[in-house]
Protein backbone atom coordinates (compact mmCIF):
# COMPACT_ATOMS: atom_id res chain seq x y z
CA MET A 1 14.71 -2.89 -17.51
CA LEU A 2 17.50 -3.92 -14.83
CA GLN A 3 18.61 -0.50 -13.87
CA ARG A 4 15.57 0.25 -11.73
CA ILE A 5 15.77 0.86 -7.98
CA GLN A 6 14.08 -1.90 -6.95
CA THR A 7 16.91 -4.31 -8.53
CA VAL A 8 19.39 -2.29 -6.18
CA TYR A 9 17.08 -3.43 -2.97
CA LEU A 10 16.35 -7.18 -4.44
CA LEU A 11 20.02 -7.42 -5.11
CA LEU A 12 20.82 -6.07 -1.73
CA ALA A 13 18.37 -8.60 0.05
CA ALA A 14 20.22 -11.58 -2.37
CA ILE A 15 23.05 -10.74 -0.70
CA SER A 16 21.48 -10.38 2.71
CA SER A 17 20.32 -13.88 2.65
CA GLY A 18 22.15 -15.75 0.80
CA GLY A 19 26.14 -14.19 1.27
CA LEU A 20 25.86 -12.57 4.69
CA ILE A 21 25.01 -15.87 6.63
CA PHE A 22 28.55 -17.54 5.94
CA VAL A 23 29.62 -14.48 7.53
CA PHE A 24 28.00 -13.59 10.49
CA HIS A 25 27.31 -16.18 13.56
CA LEU A 26 23.57 -16.36 14.91
CA TRP A 27 24.50 -17.47 18.13
CA THR A 28 26.97 -18.51 20.36
CA THR A 29 26.01 -21.96 22.31
CA ASN A 30 26.91 -22.33 26.07
CA ALA A 31 29.96 -24.29 25.34
CA ASP A 32 31.32 -20.72 23.24
CA ALA A 33 30.98 -22.48 20.13
CA MET A 34 29.55 -20.71 17.12
CA VAL A 35 26.43 -21.57 15.20
CA TYR A 36 26.31 -20.25 11.72
CA ALA A 37 23.60 -21.00 9.32
CA LYS A 38 24.84 -23.91 7.37
CA ASP A 39 25.47 -25.91 10.76
CA ASN A 40 21.23 -26.08 10.72
CA MET A 41 19.95 -27.37 7.22
CA TYR A 42 16.46 -25.64 8.08
CA TYR A 43 17.57 -22.43 8.44
CA LEU A 44 20.22 -22.55 5.86
CA ALA A 45 17.42 -24.03 3.31
CA LEU A 46 15.12 -20.83 4.37
CA PHE A 47 18.02 -18.03 3.73
CA LEU A 48 18.82 -19.66 0.19
CA GLY A 49 14.87 -19.99 -0.14
CA SER A 50 14.80 -16.07 0.52
CA ALA A 51 17.81 -15.26 -1.73
CA ALA A 52 16.42 -17.55 -4.70
CA LEU A 53 13.13 -15.75 -4.27
CA SER A 54 14.87 -12.44 -4.35
CA LEU A 55 16.90 -13.48 -7.67
CA ILE A 56 13.86 -14.96 -9.44
CA SER A 57 11.78 -11.49 -8.40
CA ILE A 58 15.08 -9.72 -9.89
CA PHE A 59 14.91 -11.33 -13.37
CA GLY A 60 11.16 -11.25 -13.91
CA TYR A 61 11.15 -7.12 -14.18
CA LYS A 62 9.01 -7.93 -17.41
CA ASN A 63 5.83 -9.14 -15.30
CA ARG A 64 5.87 -6.37 -12.13
CA LYS A 65 2.79 -8.01 -10.40
CA SER A 66 4.36 -11.06 -10.15
CA GLN A 67 7.46 -9.42 -9.14
CA PHE A 68 5.62 -8.02 -6.30
CA VAL A 69 3.32 -11.33 -5.36
CA LEU A 70 7.25 -12.92 -5.19
CA ASN A 71 8.46 -9.78 -3.19
CA ARG A 72 5.53 -10.53 -1.00
CA LEU A 73 5.71 -14.48 -0.38
CA ASN A 74 9.76 -13.51 0.08
CA ILE A 75 8.55 -11.69 3.27
CA ILE A 76 6.45 -13.95 4.83
CA LEU A 77 9.39 -16.27 4.40
CA ASN A 78 11.54 -13.93 6.03
CA PHE A 79 8.99 -13.15 8.93
CA ILE A 80 9.47 -17.12 9.42
CA LEU A 81 12.45 -17.21 9.82
CA LEU A 82 12.46 -14.55 12.34
CA GLY A 83 10.00 -16.18 14.50
CA LEU A 84 12.30 -19.58 14.61
CA PHE A 85 15.06 -17.22 15.93
CA VAL A 86 12.93 -15.61 18.25
CA TYR A 87 11.53 -18.91 19.19
CA GLN A 88 15.13 -20.54 19.34
CA SER A 89 16.36 -17.67 21.37
CA LEU A 90 13.11 -17.35 23.93
CA ASN A 91 13.45 -21.03 24.51
CA LEU A 92 11.09 -21.43 27.55
CA SER A 93 12.90 -24.84 28.61
CA GLY A 94 15.18 -22.95 30.64
CA GLU A 95 18.48 -25.27 29.43
CA ALA A 96 18.42 -23.21 26.15
CA ASP A 97 21.78 -23.80 23.80
CA VAL A 98 21.61 -19.78 23.18
CA SER A 99 23.97 -17.84 25.55
CA GLU A 100 24.54 -14.95 23.20
CA LYS A 101 22.70 -14.32 19.71
CA GLY A 102 24.80 -12.88 17.21
CA ILE A 103 24.02 -10.60 14.49
CA GLY A 104 23.16 -12.93 11.88
CA ILE A 105 19.88 -12.97 13.79
CA VAL A 106 18.72 -9.52 12.74
CA LEU A 107 19.49 -10.71 8.64
CA PRO A 108 15.94 -11.67 7.84
CA ALA A 109 15.08 -8.23 9.42
CA LEU A 110 17.12 -6.44 7.09
CA SER A 111 15.99 -8.38 4.02
CA ILE A 112 12.08 -7.41 5.25
CA VAL A 113 13.16 -3.51 5.17
CA LEU A 114 14.65 -4.05 1.61
CA LEU A 115 11.98 -6.08 -0.02
CA VAL A 116 9.28 -3.40 1.50
CA LEU A 117 11.39 -0.89 0.22
CA ALA A 118 11.44 -3.00 -3.10
CA ASN A 119 7.77 -3.64 -3.10
CA LYS A 120 7.42 0.12 -2.71
CA ALA A 121 9.13 0.75 -5.71
CA ILE A 122 7.37 -1.66 -8.05
CA LYS A 123 4.38 -0.01 -6.65
CA LYS A 124 5.53 2.93 -8.16
CA ASP A 125 6.32 1.84 -11.48
CA GLU A 126 2.91 0.44 -11.62
CA ASP A 127 1.11 3.49 -10.74
CA LEU A 128 3.65 5.15 -13.22
CA VAL A 129 2.68 3.08 -16.08
CA LYS A 130 -0.73 2.79 -15.32
CA SER A 131 -1.20 7.02 -15.23
CA VAL A 132 0.82 6.85 -18.86
CA ASP A 133 -2.18 4.16 -20.20
CA ARG A 134 -4.62 6.58 -18.95
CA LEU A 135 -3.48 9.32 -21.38
CA ARG A 136 -3.51 7.10 -24.37
């Protein structure tokens, strides 16, 4: 059933991880050059991996437990991405390339919130199915 609310949350998480990274820049360097996720292969791979996990989770609606686990893995992936951004912006060397942070740095946080909301809705559906099974 693709018409559930968690599908909307997962679709928004996939859009924020896969589409908005090409629109919003991550940071601006000291030379006033904007850095996007497509400029760094690791960031691009992590963002697209997160979008792919969200899309796989959308179409795995028949198995709610695996959908829940995929969302948890996606949350961990987004925390890793967020940690890399924090490390990059708070580089201890003093000669950091980051002079101004962009809005693209908060995209993993947005994705985490959407994935948590999706997991909450999946858990609610699973509890509903279990309660109906008890009545039979």
